[in-house]
N, C-alpha and C. Protein backbone atom coordinates (compact mmCIF):
# COMPACT_ATOMS: atom_id res chain seq x y z
N MET A 1 91.95 75.28 71.73
CA MET A 1 92.31 74.10 72.48
C MET A 1 91.23 73.05 72.29
N LYS A 2 91.65 71.80 72.15
CA LYS A 2 90.67 70.74 71.98
C LYS A 2 90.71 69.78 73.17
N LYS A 3 89.54 69.24 73.44
CA LYS A 3 89.38 68.30 74.55
C LYS A 3 88.77 67.01 74.02
N ILE A 4 89.34 65.90 74.40
CA ILE A 4 88.82 64.59 73.99
C ILE A 4 87.66 64.22 74.89
N ILE A 5 86.56 63.76 74.28
CA ILE A 5 85.37 63.34 75.01
C ILE A 5 85.11 61.87 74.71
N ASN A 6 84.98 61.08 75.76
CA ASN A 6 84.61 59.68 75.62
C ASN A 6 83.64 59.32 76.74
N SER A 7 82.58 58.61 76.40
CA SER A 7 81.60 58.14 77.37
C SER A 7 81.71 56.63 77.50
N GLU A 8 81.70 56.14 78.71
CA GLU A 8 81.73 54.69 78.94
C GLU A 8 80.43 54.03 78.47
N LYS A 9 79.35 54.81 78.34
CA LYS A 9 78.06 54.26 77.93
C LYS A 9 77.95 54.06 76.43
N ALA A 10 78.80 54.73 75.67
CA ALA A 10 78.82 54.59 74.22
C ALA A 10 79.93 53.63 73.84
N PRO A 11 79.82 52.98 72.67
CA PRO A 11 80.87 52.03 72.27
C PRO A 11 82.22 52.71 72.08
N LYS A 12 83.26 52.01 72.45
CA LYS A 12 84.62 52.54 72.29
C LYS A 12 84.95 52.68 70.81
N ALA A 13 85.80 53.62 70.50
CA ALA A 13 86.26 53.79 69.12
C ALA A 13 87.01 52.54 68.69
N VAL A 14 86.81 52.15 67.44
CA VAL A 14 87.46 50.94 66.92
C VAL A 14 88.62 51.27 65.99
N GLY A 15 89.17 52.44 66.14
CA GLY A 15 90.28 52.86 65.30
C GLY A 15 90.98 54.04 65.95
N PRO A 16 91.83 54.70 65.20
CA PRO A 16 92.59 55.84 65.74
C PRO A 16 91.78 57.14 65.74
N TYR A 17 90.71 57.13 66.51
CA TYR A 17 89.87 58.33 66.65
C TYR A 17 89.20 58.28 68.02
N ASN A 18 88.54 59.36 68.40
CA ASN A 18 87.81 59.44 69.66
C ASN A 18 86.32 59.57 69.38
N GLN A 19 85.51 59.31 70.40
CA GLN A 19 84.07 59.45 70.24
C GLN A 19 83.70 60.88 69.87
N ALA A 20 84.39 61.84 70.47
CA ALA A 20 84.11 63.24 70.16
C ALA A 20 85.30 64.11 70.54
N ILE A 21 85.34 65.28 69.93
CA ILE A 21 86.33 66.30 70.24
C ILE A 21 85.58 67.60 70.49
N GLN A 22 85.88 68.24 71.62
CA GLN A 22 85.32 69.56 71.90
C GLN A 22 86.40 70.58 71.56
N ALA A 23 86.02 71.55 70.75
CA ALA A 23 86.92 72.65 70.39
C ALA A 23 86.17 73.94 70.67
N GLY A 24 86.59 74.63 71.73
CA GLY A 24 85.85 75.82 72.14
C GLY A 24 84.45 75.44 72.54
N ASN A 25 83.45 76.09 71.94
CA ASN A 25 82.06 75.78 72.26
C ASN A 25 81.44 74.78 71.29
N MET A 26 82.27 74.17 70.45
CA MET A 26 81.77 73.21 69.46
C MET A 26 82.17 71.79 69.85
N LEU A 27 81.26 70.86 69.59
CA LEU A 27 81.50 69.44 69.84
C LEU A 27 81.31 68.68 68.54
N PHE A 28 82.33 67.92 68.15
CA PHE A 28 82.30 67.13 66.93
C PHE A 28 82.21 65.66 67.33
N VAL A 29 81.04 65.06 67.09
CA VAL A 29 80.82 63.67 67.48
C VAL A 29 81.09 62.77 66.28
N SER A 30 81.99 61.82 66.47
CA SER A 30 82.32 60.87 65.42
C SER A 30 81.10 60.03 65.06
N GLY A 31 81.13 59.45 63.88
CA GLY A 31 80.05 58.59 63.44
C GLY A 31 79.80 57.48 64.45
N GLN A 32 78.54 57.35 64.84
CA GLN A 32 78.14 56.32 65.80
C GLN A 32 77.34 55.24 65.09
N ILE A 33 77.63 54.00 65.45
CA ILE A 33 76.89 52.88 64.90
C ILE A 33 76.10 52.21 66.03
N PRO A 34 75.17 51.33 65.70
CA PRO A 34 74.25 50.79 66.70
C PRO A 34 74.80 49.66 67.56
N ILE A 35 75.92 49.92 68.20
CA ILE A 35 76.48 48.95 69.15
C ILE A 35 76.03 49.35 70.54
N ASP A 36 75.50 48.39 71.27
CA ASP A 36 75.14 48.59 72.67
C ASP A 36 76.40 48.32 73.48
N ALA A 37 76.98 49.36 74.06
CA ALA A 37 78.25 49.24 74.79
C ALA A 37 78.14 48.29 75.98
N ALA A 38 76.95 48.12 76.55
CA ALA A 38 76.78 47.25 77.71
C ALA A 38 77.06 45.79 77.36
N VAL A 39 76.79 45.41 76.11
CA VAL A 39 77.01 44.01 75.69
C VAL A 39 78.07 43.90 74.60
N GLY A 40 78.46 45.06 74.03
CA GLY A 40 79.50 45.06 73.01
C GLY A 40 79.09 44.48 71.68
N LYS A 41 77.79 44.53 71.39
CA LYS A 41 77.28 43.96 70.13
C LYS A 41 76.30 44.91 69.47
N VAL A 42 76.12 44.71 68.16
CA VAL A 42 75.11 45.45 67.42
C VAL A 42 73.74 45.03 67.95
N VAL A 43 72.85 45.99 68.15
CA VAL A 43 71.51 45.68 68.63
C VAL A 43 70.75 44.83 67.61
N GLU A 44 69.90 43.98 68.11
CA GLU A 44 69.08 43.15 67.24
C GLU A 44 67.92 43.97 66.71
N GLY A 45 67.40 43.57 65.57
CA GLY A 45 66.26 44.25 64.98
C GLY A 45 66.63 44.92 63.67
N GLY A 46 65.74 45.76 63.21
CA GLY A 46 65.91 46.42 61.93
C GLY A 46 66.38 47.86 62.07
N ILE A 47 66.06 48.64 61.06
CA ILE A 47 66.54 50.02 60.99
C ILE A 47 66.03 50.88 62.16
N LYS A 48 64.82 50.65 62.62
CA LYS A 48 64.30 51.47 63.73
C LYS A 48 65.09 51.20 65.01
N GLU A 49 65.32 49.95 65.33
CA GLU A 49 66.08 49.61 66.53
C GLU A 49 67.52 50.12 66.42
N GLN A 50 68.10 49.99 65.24
CA GLN A 50 69.48 50.46 65.04
C GLN A 50 69.56 51.98 65.15
N THR A 51 68.59 52.69 64.60
CA THR A 51 68.61 54.15 64.69
C THR A 51 68.45 54.61 66.13
N HIS A 52 67.55 53.96 66.88
CA HIS A 52 67.41 54.29 68.30
C HIS A 52 68.76 54.14 69.02
N GLN A 53 69.46 53.03 68.79
CA GLN A 53 70.72 52.81 69.50
C GLN A 53 71.77 53.84 69.10
N VAL A 54 71.85 54.16 67.82
CA VAL A 54 72.80 55.18 67.36
C VAL A 54 72.53 56.51 68.07
N LEU A 55 71.27 56.90 68.13
CA LEU A 55 70.94 58.19 68.74
C LEU A 55 71.10 58.15 70.26
N LYS A 56 70.89 57.01 70.88
CA LYS A 56 71.20 56.88 72.31
C LYS A 56 72.70 57.05 72.52
N ASN A 57 73.52 56.42 71.67
CA ASN A 57 74.98 56.55 71.80
C ASN A 57 75.40 58.01 71.65
N ILE A 58 74.82 58.69 70.69
CA ILE A 58 75.11 60.12 70.52
C ILE A 58 74.71 60.88 71.78
N GLY A 59 73.55 60.55 72.33
CA GLY A 59 73.08 61.20 73.55
C GLY A 59 74.04 61.01 74.72
N TYR A 60 74.59 59.80 74.86
CA TYR A 60 75.56 59.54 75.94
C TYR A 60 76.79 60.44 75.79
N ILE A 61 77.25 60.58 74.56
CA ILE A 61 78.44 61.40 74.29
C ILE A 61 78.12 62.88 74.52
N LEU A 62 76.98 63.32 74.02
CA LEU A 62 76.58 64.71 74.26
C LEU A 62 76.53 65.01 75.76
N LYS A 63 75.90 64.13 76.52
CA LYS A 63 75.77 64.33 77.96
C LYS A 63 77.14 64.36 78.64
N GLU A 64 78.03 63.47 78.24
CA GLU A 64 79.38 63.43 78.82
C GLU A 64 80.08 64.78 78.66
N ALA A 65 79.80 65.46 77.55
CA ALA A 65 80.43 66.75 77.27
C ALA A 65 79.62 67.94 77.79
N GLY A 66 78.45 67.68 78.38
CA GLY A 66 77.62 68.77 78.88
C GLY A 66 76.69 69.38 77.84
N TYR A 67 76.40 68.64 76.80
CA TYR A 67 75.50 69.09 75.73
C TYR A 67 74.25 68.22 75.76
N ASP A 68 73.26 68.58 74.93
CA ASP A 68 72.12 67.70 74.72
C ASP A 68 71.67 67.83 73.26
N TYR A 69 70.62 67.08 72.91
CA TYR A 69 70.17 67.06 71.51
C TYR A 69 69.83 68.45 70.98
N SER A 70 69.34 69.34 71.84
CA SER A 70 68.96 70.68 71.37
C SER A 70 70.17 71.51 70.97
N ASP A 71 71.38 71.09 71.36
CA ASP A 71 72.60 71.80 70.98
C ASP A 71 73.15 71.36 69.62
N VAL A 72 72.61 70.28 69.07
CA VAL A 72 73.10 69.75 67.79
C VAL A 72 72.67 70.67 66.66
N VAL A 73 73.65 71.08 65.83
CA VAL A 73 73.36 71.98 64.72
C VAL A 73 73.46 71.30 63.35
N LYS A 74 74.12 70.14 63.30
CA LYS A 74 74.29 69.45 62.01
C LYS A 74 74.47 67.96 62.24
N CYS A 75 73.76 67.16 61.47
CA CYS A 75 73.93 65.71 61.48
C CYS A 75 74.18 65.23 60.05
N THR A 76 74.94 64.18 59.96
CA THR A 76 75.10 63.47 58.69
C THR A 76 74.72 62.03 58.95
N VAL A 77 73.79 61.52 58.14
CA VAL A 77 73.28 60.17 58.28
C VAL A 77 73.76 59.34 57.09
N PHE A 78 74.30 58.18 57.40
CA PHE A 78 74.74 57.24 56.37
C PHE A 78 73.86 56.00 56.47
N LEU A 79 73.22 55.63 55.37
CA LEU A 79 72.35 54.46 55.33
C LEU A 79 72.88 53.45 54.33
N ASP A 80 72.80 52.17 54.69
CA ASP A 80 73.24 51.15 53.74
C ASP A 80 72.19 50.90 52.66
N ASN A 81 70.98 51.46 52.85
CA ASN A 81 69.90 51.28 51.89
C ASN A 81 68.95 52.47 52.03
N MET A 82 68.80 53.26 51.00
CA MET A 82 67.94 54.44 51.07
C MET A 82 66.47 54.09 51.25
N ASP A 83 66.10 52.83 51.05
CA ASP A 83 64.73 52.41 51.36
C ASP A 83 64.45 52.53 52.86
N ASN A 84 65.49 52.63 53.67
CA ASN A 84 65.34 52.77 55.12
C ASN A 84 65.23 54.23 55.56
N PHE A 85 65.21 55.15 54.62
CA PHE A 85 65.18 56.57 54.98
C PHE A 85 63.96 56.94 55.83
N ILE A 86 62.77 56.54 55.40
CA ILE A 86 61.56 56.95 56.11
C ILE A 86 61.51 56.37 57.52
N PRO A 87 61.75 55.06 57.74
CA PRO A 87 61.73 54.57 59.13
C PRO A 87 62.85 55.17 59.98
N MET A 88 64.02 55.42 59.39
CA MET A 88 65.10 56.10 60.14
C MET A 88 64.63 57.48 60.53
N ASN A 89 64.01 58.19 59.60
CA ASN A 89 63.56 59.56 59.83
C ASN A 89 62.50 59.62 60.93
N ASP A 90 61.62 58.61 60.99
CA ASP A 90 60.60 58.56 62.04
C ASP A 90 61.24 58.48 63.42
N VAL A 91 62.25 57.65 63.57
CA VAL A 91 62.95 57.53 64.85
C VAL A 91 63.75 58.80 65.14
N TYR A 92 64.45 59.30 64.16
CA TYR A 92 65.25 60.52 64.29
C TYR A 92 64.40 61.66 64.85
N ALA A 93 63.17 61.77 64.37
CA ALA A 93 62.26 62.85 64.79
C ALA A 93 61.90 62.75 66.27
N GLU A 94 62.03 61.58 66.87
CA GLU A 94 61.75 61.41 68.30
C GLU A 94 62.84 62.05 69.16
N TYR A 95 64.04 62.18 68.63
CA TYR A 95 65.18 62.73 69.39
C TYR A 95 65.38 64.22 69.15
N PHE A 96 65.02 64.67 67.97
CA PHE A 96 65.16 66.09 67.62
C PHE A 96 63.76 66.67 67.47
N THR A 97 63.20 67.11 68.60
CA THR A 97 61.81 67.54 68.63
C THR A 97 61.62 69.04 68.49
N GLU A 98 62.69 69.78 68.71
CA GLU A 98 62.66 71.24 68.52
C GLU A 98 64.05 71.68 68.13
N LYS A 99 64.14 72.81 67.50
CA LYS A 99 65.44 73.29 67.02
C LYS A 99 66.15 72.20 66.22
N GLU A 100 65.41 71.57 65.30
CA GLU A 100 65.99 70.48 64.52
C GLU A 100 67.25 70.95 63.80
N PRO A 101 68.29 70.12 63.81
CA PRO A 101 69.55 70.50 63.16
C PRO A 101 69.45 70.41 61.65
N ALA A 102 70.41 71.03 61.00
CA ALA A 102 70.59 70.81 59.57
C ALA A 102 71.01 69.35 59.41
N ARG A 103 70.77 68.79 58.22
CA ARG A 103 71.09 67.37 58.06
C ARG A 103 71.29 67.02 56.61
N ALA A 104 72.15 66.04 56.39
CA ALA A 104 72.30 65.40 55.09
C ALA A 104 72.19 63.90 55.32
N ALA A 105 71.66 63.19 54.34
CA ALA A 105 71.57 61.73 54.44
C ALA A 105 72.06 61.14 53.13
N PHE A 106 72.88 60.12 53.25
CA PHE A 106 73.48 59.48 52.08
C PHE A 106 73.28 57.98 52.12
N GLY A 107 73.07 57.40 50.97
CA GLY A 107 73.10 55.96 50.82
C GLY A 107 74.53 55.58 50.49
N VAL A 108 75.06 54.60 51.19
CA VAL A 108 76.44 54.16 50.98
C VAL A 108 76.46 52.67 50.66
N VAL A 109 77.56 52.22 50.12
CA VAL A 109 77.67 50.82 49.73
C VAL A 109 77.68 49.90 50.94
N ARG A 110 78.43 50.28 51.97
CA ARG A 110 78.56 49.42 53.14
C ARG A 110 78.99 50.25 54.34
N LEU A 111 78.58 49.80 55.52
CA LEU A 111 78.96 50.46 56.78
C LEU A 111 79.71 49.46 57.65
N PRO A 112 80.44 49.95 58.66
CA PRO A 112 81.22 49.05 59.52
C PRO A 112 80.37 47.94 60.13
N VAL A 113 80.95 46.79 60.24
CA VAL A 113 80.38 45.56 60.82
C VAL A 113 78.96 45.26 60.32
N GLY A 114 78.65 45.69 59.11
CA GLY A 114 77.38 45.34 58.48
C GLY A 114 76.15 46.03 59.04
N VAL A 115 76.32 47.17 59.73
CA VAL A 115 75.16 47.88 60.28
C VAL A 115 74.39 48.59 59.18
N MET A 116 73.19 49.03 59.53
CA MET A 116 72.31 49.68 58.56
C MET A 116 72.41 51.20 58.57
N VAL A 117 72.92 51.78 59.69
CA VAL A 117 72.92 53.23 59.84
C VAL A 117 74.12 53.68 60.68
N GLU A 118 74.65 54.83 60.32
CA GLU A 118 75.69 55.51 61.10
C GLU A 118 75.34 56.99 61.06
N ILE A 119 75.51 57.68 62.20
CA ILE A 119 75.21 59.12 62.26
C ILE A 119 76.36 59.83 62.99
N GLU A 120 76.79 60.95 62.42
CA GLU A 120 77.75 61.85 63.07
C GLU A 120 77.06 63.19 63.26
N CYS A 121 77.58 63.99 64.19
CA CYS A 121 76.95 65.29 64.39
C CYS A 121 77.93 66.32 64.94
N ILE A 122 77.48 67.57 64.86
CA ILE A 122 78.20 68.71 65.42
C ILE A 122 77.22 69.43 66.33
N ALA A 123 77.68 69.77 67.54
CA ALA A 123 76.85 70.51 68.48
C ALA A 123 77.59 71.79 68.89
N VAL A 124 76.79 72.82 69.23
CA VAL A 124 77.36 74.10 69.64
C VAL A 124 76.59 74.59 70.86
N LYS A 125 77.36 75.10 71.84
CA LYS A 125 76.75 75.71 73.05
C LYS A 125 76.66 77.19 72.86
């Protein structure tokens, strides 16, 4: 059985998908971009500020479902420029301080609304 998870603190989905789906003890969080739901806009600043907002959005969704960062087992990071890998990684390390998840990072041609980073994840209880 699957359960739809949506947090009012994270940006609403902009297409035919949900912020996350819980299936049994697994939570599949859709790719999050650096939109601050309180103002409905992409956060100002560079890759560090955008990565912080993405991971905050993921945190809101995890919390809504009763999970936290330590439950995340896999992340996929999409960057519009691989030159941003190191600063993204520095911020990422602030959120995953123990039991770091498996991860892949890809450079892509373009991301929604011109953002620099998008991250999706899977969590397990």
